[in-house]
Amino acid sequence: MILDLEELKARIGEERKDGAIIVLANGCFDLFHVGHIRYLSGAKSLGDFLVVGINSDRQVRKLKGGNRPFMPETERAEILTAIRFVDVVTIFDEPTVEELIAAIRPDIHAKGTDYTTETVPEREIVLAYGGRVAIVGDPKDHSSSKLIAIVSKKFNDRGTELPDNIT
């Protein structure tokens, strides 16, 4: 289920009434790979209700460069909603996830293994309201950027040109 911020806040309120532990994971999720699955699975294992915040297309371009994202935000969100352990997805357009954290106050903010609990940029906001930061997933051996490089190298090594319908 894809919800805007107001719908998300209402849903989290309902979940909290039932005693659910709310977990937030976030990222671009452009070109989905196994590292994403391991990160999200680890995040879900920490609580009852997993919210996944994805960066808007505009923010992905700022973070990753003008040729990204490869998939529009609505498609990235739809893919995430198909994962059985993801409860809800929301798209945020701010440069960081801090405003989303402040609005929904997750019990646990889960980040990938490219961070430590001390280096999570949003750490202070989470701790200020009594939340917890957790590191989950496998070692950062997978990334969309690596996947792009591998595919590009394989095409270049073979001298293969991309079909005309692929841009």
C-alpha atoms as a PDB file:
ATOM      1  CA  MET A   1       0.000   0.000   0.000  1.00  0.00           C
ATOM      2  CA  ILE A   2       1.354   3.405  -0.988  1.00  0.00           C
ATOM      3  CA  LEU A   3       0.286   6.246   1.309  1.00  0.00           C
ATOM      4  CA  ASP A   4       0.933   9.966   1.395  1.00  0.00           C
ATOM      5  CA  LEU A   5       2.147  11.476   4.659  1.00  0.00           C
ATOM      6  CA  GLU A   6      -1.271  12.290   6.115  1.00  0.00           C
ATOM      7  CA  GLU A   7      -2.625   8.824   5.340  1.00  0.00           C
ATOM      8  CA  LEU A   8       0.553   7.304   6.747  1.00  0.00           C
ATOM      9  CA  LYS A   9       0.278   9.220  10.024  1.00  0.00           C
ATOM     10  CA  ALA A  10      -3.327   8.047  10.437  1.00  0.00           C
ATOM     11  CA  ARG A  11      -2.368   4.431   9.710  1.00  0.00           C
ATOM     12  CA  ILE A  12       0.528   4.533  12.150  1.00  0.00           C
ATOM     13  CA  GLY A  13      -1.834   5.913  14.785  1.00  0.00           C
ATOM     14  CA  GLU A  14      -4.080   2.887  14.269  1.00  0.00           C
ATOM     15  CA  GLU A  15      -1.131   0.492  14.449  1.00  0.00           C
ATOM     16  CA  ARG A  16       0.147   2.109  17.643  1.00  0.00           C
ATOM     17  CA  LYS A  17      -3.294   1.734  19.273  1.00  0.00           C
ATOM     18  CA  ASP A  18      -2.888  -1.991  18.659  1.00  0.00           C
ATOM     19  CA  GLY A  19       0.557  -1.934  20.285  1.00  0.00           C
ATOM     20  CA  ALA A  20       2.603  -2.319  17.097  1.00  0.00           C
ATOM     21  CA  ILE A  21       6.284  -1.488  17.029  1.00  0.00           C
ATOM     22  CA  ILE A  22       6.821   0.827  14.041  1.00  0.00           C
ATOM     23  CA  VAL A  23      10.003   0.449  11.992  1.00  0.00           C
ATOM     24  CA  LEU A  24      11.137   2.847   9.265  1.00  0.00           C
ATOM     25  CA  ALA A  25      13.568   1.916   6.490  1.00  0.00           C
ATOM     26  CA  ASN A  26      14.396   4.272   3.652  1.00  0.00           C
ATOM     27  CA  GLY A  27      16.319   4.582   0.417  1.00  0.00           C
ATOM     28  CA  CYS A  28      16.185   5.188  -3.313  1.00  0.00           C
ATOM     29  CA  PHE A  29      15.531   1.545  -4.272  1.00  0.00           C
ATOM     30  CA  ASP A  30      16.476   2.182  -7.890  1.00  0.00           C
ATOM     31  CA  LEU A  31      17.218  -1.113  -9.684  1.00  0.00           C
ATOM     32  CA  PHE A  32      16.143  -3.444  -6.930  1.00  0.00           C
ATOM     33  CA  HIS A  33      18.650  -6.109  -5.829  1.00  0.00           C
ATOM     34  CA  VAL A  34      19.214  -8.747  -3.131  1.00  0.00           C
ATOM     35  CA  GLY A  35      20.878  -6.243  -0.805  1.00  0.00           C
ATOM     36  CA  HIS A  36      17.581  -4.352  -0.681  1.00  0.00           C
ATOM     37  CA  ILE A  37      15.697  -7.528   0.243  1.00  0.00           C
ATOM     38  CA  ARG A  38      18.143  -8.355   3.031  1.00  0.00           C
ATOM     39  CA  TYR A  39      17.958  -4.802   4.376  1.00  0.00           C
ATOM     40  CA  LEU A  40      14.157  -4.731   4.373  1.00  0.00           C
ATOM     41  CA  SER A  41      13.866  -8.230   5.824  1.00  0.00           C
ATOM     42  CA  GLY A  42      16.214  -7.237   8.628  1.00  0.00           C
ATOM     43  CA  ALA A  43      14.216  -4.067   9.250  1.00  0.00           C
ATOM     44  CA  LYS A  44      10.939  -5.985   9.464  1.00  0.00           C
ATOM     45  CA  SER A  45      12.454  -8.435  11.957  1.00  0.00           C
ATOM     46  CA  LEU A  46      12.814  -5.553  14.426  1.00  0.00           C
ATOM     47  CA  GLY A  47       9.122  -4.775  14.763  1.00  0.00           C
ATOM     48  CA  ASP A  48       5.536  -5.291  13.714  1.00  0.00           C
ATOM     49  CA  PHE A  49       4.863  -2.648  11.073  1.00  0.00           C
ATOM     50  CA  LEU A  50       7.446  -1.755   8.413  1.00  0.00           C
ATOM     51  CA  VAL A  51       7.218   1.618   6.721  1.00  0.00           C
ATOM     52  CA  VAL A  52       9.502   2.125   3.733  1.00  0.00           C
ATOM     53  CA  GLY A  53      10.231   5.686   2.688  1.00  0.00           C
ATOM     54  CA  ILE A  54      11.556   6.143  -0.821  1.00  0.00           C
ATOM     55  CA  ASN A  55      13.271   9.197  -2.212  1.00  0.00           C
ATOM     56  CA  SER A  56      11.285  11.016  -4.888  1.00  0.00           C
ATOM     57  CA  ASP A  57      12.598  11.087  -8.448  1.00  0.00           C
ATOM     58  CA  ARG A  58      13.752  14.666  -7.922  1.00  0.00           C
ATOM     59  CA  GLN A  59      15.778  13.730  -4.855  1.00  0.00           C
ATOM     60  CA  VAL A  60      17.277  10.641  -6.529  1.00  0.00           C
ATOM     61  CA  ARG A  61      18.526  12.879  -9.359  1.00  0.00           C
ATOM     62  CA  LYS A  62      20.164  15.152  -6.779  1.00  0.00           C
ATOM     63  CA  LEU A  63      21.727  12.224  -4.909  1.00  0.00           C
ATOM     64  CA  LYS A  64      22.731   9.950  -7.783  1.00  0.00           C
ATOM     65  CA  GLY A  65      23.006  12.215 -10.819  1.00  0.00           C
ATOM     66  CA  GLY A  66      20.873  13.365 -13.712  1.00  0.00           C
ATOM     67  CA  ASN A  67      20.631   9.960 -15.387  1.00  0.00           C
ATOM     68  CA  ARG A  68      18.891   8.423 -12.378  1.00  0.00           C
ATOM     69  CA  PRO A  69      16.517   7.072 -11.307  1.00  0.00           C
ATOM     70  CA  PHE A  70      16.064   4.370 -13.913  1.00  0.00           C
ATOM     71  CA  MET A  71      12.561   3.650 -12.651  1.00  0.00           C
ATOM     72  CA  PRO A  72      10.063   6.337 -11.683  1.00  0.00           C
ATOM     73  CA  GLU A  73       9.080   6.695  -8.043  1.00  0.00           C
ATOM     74  CA  THR A  74       5.618   5.218  -8.576  1.00  0.00           C
ATOM     75  CA  GLU A  75       7.103   2.021 -10.041  1.00  0.00           C
ATOM     76  CA  ARG A  76       9.752   1.770  -7.321  1.00  0.00           C
ATOM     77  CA  ALA A  77       7.001   2.164  -4.730  1.00  0.00           C
ATOM     78  CA  GLU A  78       4.821  -0.463  -6.420  1.00  0.00           C
ATOM     79  CA  ILE A  79       7.669  -2.986  -6.434  1.00  0.00           C
ATOM     80  CA  LEU A  80       8.239  -2.406  -2.723  1.00  0.00           C
ATOM     81  CA  THR A  81       4.560  -2.917  -1.889  1.00  0.00           C
ATOM     82  CA  ALA A  82       4.740  -6.362  -3.512  1.00  0.00           C
ATOM     83  CA  ILE A  83       7.258  -7.548  -0.916  1.00  0.00           C
ATOM     84  CA  ARG A  84       5.420  -9.557   1.731  1.00  0.00           C
ATOM     85  CA  PHE A  85       7.160  -8.015   4.733  1.00  0.00           C
ATOM     86  CA  VAL A  86       6.702  -4.380   3.642  1.00  0.00           C
ATOM     87  CA  ASP A  87       3.534  -3.016   5.221  1.00  0.00           C
ATOM     88  CA  VAL A  88       3.389   0.439   3.668  1.00  0.00           C
ATOM     89  CA  VAL A  89       5.427   2.659   1.346  1.00  0.00           C
ATOM     90  CA  THR A  90       5.586   6.423   1.215  1.00  0.00           C
ATOM     91  CA  ILE A  91       7.456   8.733  -1.143  1.00  0.00           C
ATOM     92  CA  PHE A  92       9.272  11.706   0.359  1.00  0.00           C
ATOM     93  CA  ASP A  93      10.559  14.722  -1.556  1.00  0.00           C
ATOM     94  CA  GLU A  94      12.799  16.286   1.064  1.00  0.00           C
ATOM     95  CA  PRO A  95      16.608  16.038   0.772  1.00  0.00           C
ATOM     96  CA  THR A  96      16.790  13.788   3.847  1.00  0.00           C
ATOM     97  CA  VAL A  97      14.442  11.451   5.671  1.00  0.00           C
ATOM     98  CA  GLU A  98      14.496  13.671   8.771  1.00  0.00           C
ATOM     99  CA  GLU A  99      11.106  15.315   8.140  1.00  0.00           C
ATOM    100  CA  LEU A 100       9.462  11.920   7.635  1.00  0.00           C
ATOM    101  CA  ILE A 101      11.020  10.680  10.879  1.00  0.00           C
ATOM    102  CA  ALA A 102       9.793  13.765  12.754  1.00  0.00           C
ATOM    103  CA  ALA A 103       6.283  13.297  11.353  1.00  0.00           C
ATOM    104  CA  ILE A 104       5.842   9.580  12.093  1.00  0.00           C
ATOM    105  CA  ARG A 105       8.302   9.035  14.975  1.00  0.00           C
ATOM    106  CA  PRO A 106       9.097   5.386  14.289  1.00  0.00           C
ATOM    107  CA  ASP A 107      10.072   3.284  17.280  1.00  0.00           C
ATOM    108  CA  ILE A 108      13.057   2.045  15.288  1.00  0.00           C
ATOM    109  CA  HIS A 109      14.849   3.666  12.375  1.00  0.00           C
ATOM    110  CA  ALA A 110      16.661   0.927  10.434  1.00  0.00           C
ATOM    111  CA  LYS A 111      19.672   1.690   8.258  1.00  0.00           C
ATOM    112  CA  GLY A 112      21.930  -0.514   6.168  1.00  0.00           C
ATOM    113  CA  THR A 113      25.379  -1.793   7.022  1.00  0.00           C
ATOM    114  CA  ASP A 114      27.118   1.090   5.295  1.00  0.00           C
ATOM    115  CA  TYR A 115      26.376   2.913   8.578  1.00  0.00           C
ATOM    116  CA  THR A 116      27.028   2.286  12.251  1.00  0.00           C
ATOM    117  CA  THR A 117      24.561   3.320  14.940  1.00  0.00           C
ATOM    118  CA  GLU A 118      26.857   6.290  15.623  1.00  0.00           C
ATOM    119  CA  THR A 119      27.073   7.460  11.983  1.00  0.00           C
ATOM    120  CA  VAL A 120      23.392   7.368  11.012  1.00  0.00           C
ATOM    121  CA  PRO A 121      22.692  10.969   9.901  1.00  0.00           C
ATOM    122  CA  GLU A 122      19.218  10.999  11.486  1.00  0.00           C
ATOM    123  CA  ARG A 123      20.417   9.507  14.774  1.00  0.00           C
ATOM    124  CA  GLU A 124      19.925  12.611  16.935  1.00  0.00           C
ATOM    125  CA  ILE A 125      16.344  13.176  15.780  1.00  0.00           C
ATOM    126  CA  VAL A 126      15.416   9.558  16.522  1.00  0.00           C
ATOM    127  CA  LEU A 127      17.079   9.541  19.946  1.00  0.00           C
ATOM    128  CA  ALA A 128      15.516  12.910  20.869  1.00  0.00           C
ATOM    129  CA  TYR A 129      11.990  11.461  20.944  1.00  0.00           C
ATOM    130  CA  GLY A 130      13.054   8.153  22.518  1.00  0.00           C
ATOM    131  CA  GLY A 131      13.378   6.062  19.368  1.00  0.00           C
ATOM    132  CA  ARG A 132      16.163   3.649  18.524  1.00  0.00           C
ATOM    133  CA  VAL A 133      18.528   3.342  15.568  1.00  0.00           C
ATOM    134  CA  ALA A 134      19.400  -0.137  14.288  1.00  0.00           C
ATOM    135  CA  ILE A 135      21.732  -1.439  11.595  1.00  0.00           C
ATOM    136  CA  VAL A 136      20.388  -4.316   9.509  1.00  0.00           C
ATOM    137  CA  GLY A 137      21.071  -6.245   6.324  1.00  0.00           C
ATOM    138  CA  ASP A 138      24.088  -7.902   4.837  1.00  0.00           C
ATOM    139  CA  PRO A 139      27.458  -6.250   4.290  1.00  0.00           C
ATOM    140  CA  LYS A 140      27.253  -3.506   1.680  1.00  0.00           C
ATOM    141  CA  ASP A 141      28.324  -5.811  -1.162  1.00  0.00           C
ATOM    142  CA  HIS A 142      25.413  -4.865  -3.414  1.00  0.00           C
ATOM    143  CA  SER A 143      24.325  -1.554  -4.857  1.00  0.00           C
ATOM    144  CA  SER A 144      22.392  -0.244  -7.822  1.00  0.00           C
ATOM    145  CA  SER A 145      25.522   1.608  -8.937  1.00  0.00           C
ATOM    146  CA  LYS A 146      27.533  -1.649  -8.906  1.00  0.00           C
ATOM    147  CA  LEU A 147      24.765  -3.412 -10.808  1.00  0.00           C
ATOM    148  CA  ILE A 148      24.765  -0.678 -13.447  1.00  0.00           C
ATOM    149  CA  ALA A 149      28.558  -0.945 -13.791  1.00  0.00           C
ATOM    150  CA  ILE A 150      28.396  -4.739 -14.189  1.00  0.00           C
ATOM    151  CA  VAL A 151      25.703  -4.575 -16.859  1.00  0.00           C
ATOM    152  CA  SER A 152      27.516  -1.790 -18.687  1.00  0.00           C
ATOM    153  CA  LYS A 153      30.820  -3.687 -18.610  1.00  0.00           C
ATOM    154  CA  LYS A 154      29.197  -6.877 -19.910  1.00  0.00           C
ATOM    155  CA  PHE A 155      27.654  -5.000 -22.827  1.00  0.00           C
ATOM    156  CA  ASN A 156      30.893  -3.151 -23.581  1.00  0.00           C
ATOM    157  CA  ASP A 157      33.058  -6.305 -23.327  1.00  0.00           C
ATOM    158  CA  ARG A 158      30.902  -8.022 -25.915  1.00  0.00           C
ATOM    159  CA  GLY A 159      30.734  -4.997 -28.147  1.00  0.00           C
ATOM    160  CA  THR A 160      26.982  -5.300 -27.825  1.00  0.00           C
ATOM    161  CA  GLU A 161      24.897  -2.237 -28.413  1.00  0.00           C
ATOM    162  CA  LEU A 162      21.751  -1.631 -26.469  1.00  0.00           C
ATOM    163  CA  PRO A 163      18.548  -2.188 -28.444  1.00  0.00           C
ATOM    164  CA  ASP A 164      16.990   0.990 -29.823  1.00  0.00           C
ATOM    165  CA  ASN A 165      14.059   0.765 -27.424  1.00  0.00           C
ATOM    166  CA  ILE A 166      16.360   0.976 -24.374  1.00  0.00           C
ATOM    167  CA  THR A 167      17.575   4.411 -23.384  1.00  0.00           C
END
